[in-house]
């Protein structure tokens, strides 16, 4: 049996340690990519849901243009979590009350569908246009730059200030 020279005896151990380090770095990069993919998927799902909800309100406005101004709504982001739904029983409701109840039902959908979801609907009856804004809190936007590029400027009327992690989606419609 032949012995290795003294200079190469620890080389195998160093090679193994370097290999383990490289495998560890590759695994960490893969895990980070997976976490980013999950955050991006959640962000995309919330944006698609916001688009669907905004389109739903646009169709409600188009369906009843005469009472569209009654569907307008604005309240601060923090206050919307405690708002109750308006009801309307068939006997004592005029068209305006029906429209207000319909808008209230839609706001409930927004709050239930999006995390801390809130909404703002500005209706200009004279030009038959509306601006529908949805806001929600996305905790993943706090620790990642993925959501920041796609988040729109939230309107000041939602009283969000500099709250981080709040994303907005705005849809302008005409009928």
C-alpha atoms as a PDB file:
ATOM      1  CA  UNK A   1       0.000   0.000   0.000  1.00  0.00           C
ATOM      2  CA  UNK A   2       1.299   3.383  -0.936  1.00  0.00           C
ATOM      3  CA  UNK A   3       0.806   6.454   1.289  1.00  0.00           C
ATOM      4  CA  UNK A   4      -0.192   9.795  -0.130  1.00  0.00           C
ATOM      5  CA  UNK A   5       2.197  12.693   0.132  1.00  0.00           C
ATOM      6  CA  UNK A   6       1.606  14.937   3.147  1.00  0.00           C
ATOM      7  CA  UNK A   7       0.457  17.861   0.978  1.00  0.00           C
ATOM      8  CA  UNK A   8      -2.544  15.968  -0.502  1.00  0.00           C
ATOM      9  CA  UNK A   9      -3.863  14.204   2.598  1.00  0.00           C
ATOM     10  CA  UNK A  10      -6.440  16.931   3.513  1.00  0.00           C
ATOM     11  CA  UNK A  11      -7.371  17.744  -0.075  1.00  0.00           C
ATOM     12  CA  UNK A  12     -10.280  15.279  -0.259  1.00  0.00           C
ATOM     13  CA  UNK A  13     -11.875  16.786   2.841  1.00  0.00           C
ATOM     14  CA  UNK A  14     -11.589  20.307   1.394  1.00  0.00           C
ATOM     15  CA  UNK A  15     -13.119  19.114  -1.885  1.00  0.00           C
ATOM     16  CA  UNK A  16     -16.071  17.592  -0.035  1.00  0.00           C
ATOM     17  CA  UNK A  17     -16.609  20.773   2.005  1.00  0.00           C
ATOM     18  CA  UNK A  18     -16.488  22.972  -1.118  1.00  0.00           C
ATOM     19  CA  UNK A  19     -18.967  20.649  -2.851  1.00  0.00           C
ATOM     20  CA  UNK A  20     -21.334  20.826   0.124  1.00  0.00           C
ATOM     21  CA  UNK A  21     -21.051  24.619   0.154  1.00  0.00           C
ATOM     22  CA  UNK A  22     -21.932  24.818  -3.553  1.00  0.00           C
ATOM     23  CA  UNK A  23     -24.870  22.446  -3.114  1.00  0.00           C
ATOM     24  CA  UNK A  24     -26.082  24.509  -0.142  1.00  0.00           C
ATOM     25  CA  UNK A  25     -25.893  27.758  -2.135  1.00  0.00           C
ATOM     26  CA  UNK A  26     -27.764  26.184  -5.042  1.00  0.00           C
ATOM     27  CA  UNK A  27     -30.466  24.869  -2.687  1.00  0.00           C
ATOM     28  CA  UNK A  28     -30.842  28.296  -1.036  1.00  0.00           C
ATOM     29  CA  UNK A  29     -31.193  29.989  -4.439  1.00  0.00           C
ATOM     30  CA  UNK A  30     -33.775  27.408  -5.514  1.00  0.00           C
ATOM     31  CA  UNK A  31     -35.789  27.914  -2.304  1.00  0.00           C
ATOM     32  CA  UNK A  32     -35.710  31.694  -2.781  1.00  0.00           C
ATOM     33  CA  UNK A  33     -36.939  31.295  -6.360  1.00  0.00           C
ATOM     34  CA  UNK A  34     -39.772  29.069  -5.146  1.00  0.00           C
ATOM     35  CA  UNK A  35     -40.786  31.587  -2.462  1.00  0.00           C
ATOM     36  CA  UNK A  36     -40.776  34.396  -5.045  1.00  0.00           C
ATOM     37  CA  UNK A  37     -42.902  32.272  -7.383  1.00  0.00           C
ATOM     38  CA  UNK A  38     -45.458  31.669  -4.617  1.00  0.00           C
ATOM     39  CA  UNK A  39     -45.628  35.406  -3.798  1.00  0.00           C
ATOM     40  CA  UNK A  40     -45.992  36.286  -7.478  1.00  0.00           C
ATOM     41  CA  UNK A  41     -48.738  33.701  -7.912  1.00  0.00           C
ATOM     42  CA  UNK A  42     -50.645  35.120  -4.920  1.00  0.00           C
ATOM     43  CA  UNK A  43     -50.227  38.660  -6.258  1.00  0.00           C
ATOM     44  CA  UNK A  44     -51.481  37.595  -9.690  1.00  0.00           C
ATOM     45  CA  UNK A  45     -54.477  35.852  -8.133  1.00  0.00           C
ATOM     46  CA  UNK A  46     -55.384  38.965  -6.138  1.00  0.00           C
ATOM     47  CA  UNK A  47     -55.015  41.187  -9.199  1.00  0.00           C
ATOM     48  CA  UNK A  48     -57.190  38.850 -11.290  1.00  0.00           C
ATOM     49  CA  UNK A  49     -59.796  38.826  -8.533  1.00  0.00           C
ATOM     50  CA  UNK A  50     -59.676  42.632  -8.324  1.00  0.00           C
ATOM     51  CA  UNK A  51     -60.221  42.845 -12.076  1.00  0.00           C
ATOM     52  CA  UNK A  52     -63.189  40.486 -11.831  1.00  0.00           C
ATOM     53  CA  UNK A  53     -64.748  42.489  -8.968  1.00  0.00           C
ATOM     54  CA  UNK A  54     -64.193  45.824 -10.731  1.00  0.00           C
ATOM     55  CA  UNK A  55     -65.746  44.419 -13.901  1.00  0.00           C
ATOM     56  CA  UNK A  56     -68.697  43.182 -11.852  1.00  0.00           C
ATOM     57  CA  UNK A  57     -69.297  46.716 -10.519  1.00  0.00           C
ATOM     58  CA  UNK A  58     -68.940  48.132 -14.031  1.00  0.00           C
ATOM     59  CA  UNK A  59     -71.665  45.764 -15.222  1.00  0.00           C
ATOM     60  CA  UNK A  60     -73.883  46.752 -12.285  1.00  0.00           C
ATOM     61  CA  UNK A  61     -73.451  50.402 -13.258  1.00  0.00           C
ATOM     62  CA  UNK A  62     -74.231  49.657 -16.902  1.00  0.00           C
ATOM     63  CA  UNK A  63     -77.294  47.634 -15.936  1.00  0.00           C
ATOM     64  CA  UNK A  64     -78.892  50.541 -14.080  1.00  0.00           C
ATOM     65  CA  UNK A  65     -77.507  53.860 -15.374  1.00  0.00           C
ATOM     66  CA  UNK A  66     -80.405  55.856 -13.939  1.00  0.00           C
ATOM     67  CA  UNK A  67     -79.395  55.003 -10.387  1.00  0.00           C
ATOM     68  CA  UNK A  68     -75.639  54.760 -10.948  1.00  0.00           C
ATOM     69  CA  UNK A  69     -74.874  57.808  -8.748  1.00  0.00           C
ATOM     70  CA  UNK A  70     -76.420  55.964  -5.781  1.00  0.00           C
ATOM     71  CA  UNK A  71     -73.733  53.302  -6.232  1.00  0.00           C
ATOM     72  CA  UNK A  72     -70.916  55.771  -5.665  1.00  0.00           C
ATOM     73  CA  UNK A  73     -68.994  55.168  -2.470  1.00  0.00           C
ATOM     74  CA  UNK A  74     -65.891  56.368  -0.680  1.00  0.00           C
ATOM     75  CA  UNK A  75     -64.672  55.672   2.844  1.00  0.00           C
ATOM     76  CA  UNK A  76     -61.209  55.358   4.386  1.00  0.00           C
ATOM     77  CA  UNK A  77     -59.474  51.998   4.026  1.00  0.00           C
ATOM     78  CA  UNK A  78     -59.411  51.319   7.781  1.00  0.00           C
ATOM     79  CA  UNK A  79     -63.099  52.200   8.269  1.00  0.00           C
ATOM     80  CA  UNK A  80     -64.402  49.835   5.602  1.00  0.00           C
ATOM     81  CA  UNK A  81     -63.764  46.698   7.645  1.00  0.00           C
ATOM     82  CA  UNK A  82     -66.530  47.635  10.088  1.00  0.00           C
ATOM     83  CA  UNK A  83     -69.193  48.689   7.585  1.00  0.00           C
ATOM     84  CA  UNK A  84     -72.350  46.637   7.574  1.00  0.00           C
ATOM     85  CA  UNK A  85     -74.327  45.617   4.524  1.00  0.00           C
ATOM     86  CA  UNK A  86     -77.438  47.550   3.588  1.00  0.00           C
ATOM     87  CA  UNK A  87     -80.576  45.571   3.029  1.00  0.00           C
ATOM     88  CA  UNK A  88     -83.646  46.236   0.986  1.00  0.00           C
ATOM     89  CA  UNK A  89     -86.969  44.443   1.293  1.00  0.00           C
ATOM     90  CA  UNK A  90     -89.028  44.535  -1.874  1.00  0.00           C
ATOM     91  CA  UNK A  91     -91.929  46.563  -0.483  1.00  0.00           C
ATOM     92  CA  UNK A  92     -90.282  49.680   0.913  1.00  0.00           C
ATOM     93  CA  UNK A  93     -87.454  50.234  -1.548  1.00  0.00           C
ATOM     94  CA  UNK A  94     -87.280  52.645  -4.429  1.00  0.00           C
ATOM     95  CA  UNK A  95     -84.692  52.419  -7.225  1.00  0.00           C
ATOM     96  CA  UNK A  96     -82.137  54.479  -5.279  1.00  0.00           C
ATOM     97  CA  UNK A  97     -82.412  52.217  -2.230  1.00  0.00           C
ATOM     98  CA  UNK A  98     -82.020  49.135  -4.434  1.00  0.00           C
ATOM     99  CA  UNK A  99     -78.897  50.643  -6.004  1.00  0.00           C
ATOM    100  CA  UNK A 100     -77.426  51.479  -2.587  1.00  0.00           C
ATOM    101  CA  UNK A 101     -78.151  47.932  -1.353  1.00  0.00           C
ATOM    102  CA  UNK A 102     -76.611  46.476  -4.522  1.00  0.00           C
ATOM    103  CA  UNK A 103     -73.450  48.568  -4.039  1.00  0.00           C
ATOM    104  CA  UNK A 104     -73.327  47.534  -0.388  1.00  0.00           C
ATOM    105  CA  UNK A 105     -73.561  43.876  -1.383  1.00  0.00           C
ATOM    106  CA  UNK A 106     -70.704  44.381  -3.843  1.00  0.00           C
ATOM    107  CA  UNK A 107     -68.560  46.029  -1.145  1.00  0.00           C
ATOM    108  CA  UNK A 108     -69.149  42.959   1.033  1.00  0.00           C
ATOM    109  CA  UNK A 109     -67.877  40.799  -1.848  1.00  0.00           C
ATOM    110  CA  UNK A 110     -64.725  42.940  -2.065  1.00  0.00           C
ATOM    111  CA  UNK A 111     -64.084  42.684   1.684  1.00  0.00           C
ATOM    112  CA  UNK A 112     -64.598  38.915   1.654  1.00  0.00           C
ATOM    113  CA  UNK A 113     -62.610  38.183  -1.523  1.00  0.00           C
ATOM    114  CA  UNK A 114     -59.494  40.315  -0.999  1.00  0.00           C
ATOM    115  CA  UNK A 115     -57.350  40.420   2.163  1.00  0.00           C
ATOM    116  CA  UNK A 116     -58.538  43.531   4.034  1.00  0.00           C
ATOM    117  CA  UNK A 117     -60.222  44.526   0.783  1.00  0.00           C
ATOM    118  CA  UNK A 118     -61.817  47.928   0.382  1.00  0.00           C
ATOM    119  CA  UNK A 119     -63.276  49.863  -2.495  1.00  0.00           C
ATOM    120  CA  UNK A 120     -64.028  53.297  -3.828  1.00  0.00           C
ATOM    121  CA  UNK A 121     -66.496  54.025  -6.628  1.00  0.00           C
ATOM    122  CA  UNK A 122     -66.646  57.507  -8.129  1.00  0.00           C
ATOM    123  CA  UNK A 123     -69.575  58.019 -10.489  1.00  0.00           C
ATOM    124  CA  UNK A 124     -69.934  60.981 -12.847  1.00  0.00           C
ATOM    125  CA  UNK A 125     -73.506  60.681 -14.106  1.00  0.00           C
ATOM    126  CA  UNK A 126     -73.235  63.620 -16.515  1.00  0.00           C
ATOM    127  CA  UNK A 127     -70.397  62.031 -18.516  1.00  0.00           C
ATOM    128  CA  UNK A 128     -71.604  58.484 -17.755  1.00  0.00           C
ATOM    129  CA  UNK A 129     -68.195  57.462 -16.443  1.00  0.00           C
ATOM    130  CA  UNK A 130     -67.012  55.802 -13.276  1.00  0.00           C
ATOM    131  CA  UNK A 131     -63.685  55.124 -11.600  1.00  0.00           C
ATOM    132  CA  UNK A 132     -63.634  51.925  -9.552  1.00  0.00           C
ATOM    133  CA  UNK A 133     -60.686  51.478  -7.191  1.00  0.00           C
ATOM    134  CA  UNK A 134     -60.002  48.380  -5.131  1.00  0.00           C
ATOM    135  CA  UNK A 135     -57.368  48.255  -2.388  1.00  0.00           C
ATOM    136  CA  UNK A 136     -56.094  45.296  -0.392  1.00  0.00           C
ATOM    137  CA  UNK A 137     -53.232  44.458   1.914  1.00  0.00           C
ATOM    138  CA  UNK A 138     -50.625  42.058   0.596  1.00  0.00           C
ATOM    139  CA  UNK A 139     -48.132  41.138   3.319  1.00  0.00           C
ATOM    140  CA  UNK A 140     -45.862  39.618   0.659  1.00  0.00           C
ATOM    141  CA  UNK A 141     -45.349  43.063  -0.857  1.00  0.00           C
ATOM    142  CA  UNK A 142     -43.550  44.121   2.330  1.00  0.00           C
ATOM    143  CA  UNK A 143     -40.687  41.684   2.000  1.00  0.00           C
ATOM    144  CA  UNK A 144     -40.399  41.469  -1.760  1.00  0.00           C
ATOM    145  CA  UNK A 145     -40.002  43.806  -4.684  1.00  0.00           C
ATOM    146  CA  UNK A 146     -42.255  41.614  -6.820  1.00  0.00           C
ATOM    147  CA  UNK A 147     -45.504  43.446  -6.114  1.00  0.00           C
ATOM    148  CA  UNK A 148     -44.209  46.989  -6.033  1.00  0.00           C
ATOM    149  CA  UNK A 149     -43.816  47.407  -9.773  1.00  0.00           C
ATOM    150  CA  UNK A 150     -47.378  46.342 -10.500  1.00  0.00           C
ATOM    151  CA  UNK A 151     -49.049  48.223  -7.654  1.00  0.00           C
ATOM    152  CA  UNK A 152     -50.761  51.387  -8.729  1.00  0.00           C
ATOM    153  CA  UNK A 153     -50.828  54.656  -6.862  1.00  0.00           C
ATOM    154  CA  UNK A 154     -53.669  54.454  -4.377  1.00  0.00           C
ATOM    155  CA  UNK A 155     -55.969  57.477  -4.259  1.00  0.00           C
ATOM    156  CA  UNK A 156     -55.509  59.748  -1.261  1.00  0.00           C
ATOM    157  CA  UNK A 157     -59.242  59.533  -0.498  1.00  0.00           C
ATOM    158  CA  UNK A 158     -58.770  55.970   0.755  1.00  0.00           C
ATOM    159  CA  UNK A 159     -56.622  57.491   3.550  1.00  0.00           C
ATOM    160  CA  UNK A 160     -53.840  54.970   3.101  1.00  0.00           C
ATOM    161  CA  UNK A 161     -51.017  57.398   3.655  1.00  0.00           C
ATOM    162  CA  UNK A 162     -47.677  55.621   3.484  1.00  0.00           C
ATOM    163  CA  UNK A 163     -49.005  52.212   4.501  1.00  0.00           C
ATOM    164  CA  UNK A 164     -46.797  49.569   2.990  1.00  0.00           C
ATOM    165  CA  UNK A 165     -48.147  46.366   1.619  1.00  0.00           C
ATOM    166  CA  UNK A 166     -51.352  47.970   0.320  1.00  0.00           C
ATOM    167  CA  UNK A 167     -51.965  47.467  -3.386  1.00  0.00           C
ATOM    168  CA  UNK A 168     -54.579  49.194  -5.523  1.00  0.00           C
ATOM    169  CA  UNK A 169     -56.303  48.378  -8.788  1.00  0.00           C
ATOM    170  CA  UNK A 170     -58.274  51.037 -10.684  1.00  0.00           C
ATOM    171  CA  UNK A 171     -60.685  50.534 -13.564  1.00  0.00           C
ATOM    172  CA  UNK A 172     -62.282  53.408 -15.435  1.00  0.00           C
ATOM    173  CA  UNK A 173     -65.500  52.614 -17.278  1.00  0.00           C
ATOM    174  CA  UNK A 174     -68.040  54.424 -19.393  1.00  0.00           C
ATOM    175  CA  UNK A 175     -71.573  53.353 -20.109  1.00  0.00           C
END
